Amino acid sequence: MAIVDVRIDDRLVHGQVCSNWIPYYSLDRIVIVDDEISQDEQRKAILKLGCAGRCKLSVFDAVKAADKFSRGIDEGIRVMILCNRPRPLVQMMGSGFKVDHVTVGNMSTKQDARQIHNNTFVSPDEARDFGELVAHGIPIWSWIVPTETRKDITSLFEAREG
């Protein structure tokens, strides 16, 4: 099958992911891509406990994730890539693996962030990372739960002249 969604949600594995997105996509595996979490055995164990029984969870740093996806780790299964911010996706692209879209869920408020949706706040660094993804032709969508309509927010991150 393949990667069915590339999602950014700063809560990572939580109720909405488990009760809505896993069944919506009939996921076999969630792959969290995060350099820091990949080195934290306790946090990885806690995240794996939170994942639904039929859906497996893996955690990789961006370089390892790019390598594994380039070699077909997702072949024959339904996978969601999950990150808590856009930076890991930019890093994966720098390591030779480009996703075909990004879906944005919850991104909590933080210093200097601007609100782009009800519960989505983007810092200047995150906006630059989204802009880099958009510059490489990757569309960005806002979609909190499957019962909502997906909204294209790509234009919020496109470079503007002048």
Foldseek 3Di string as FASTA:
>chain_A
DAEPAEEAALVWQDDQCAVFVCVVQVFQEEEEEAPVVLPPPVSVVVSQVSHDDNHGYHYYYLLVVLVCVVVPVCPPGYYYYYYNALVSQLVSVVNPHHDQEYEYAAHADDPQWDDPDDRHTAHPVRLVSLLVNVVVVYWYWYDHGPVDDIHTPSVVNHDDDD
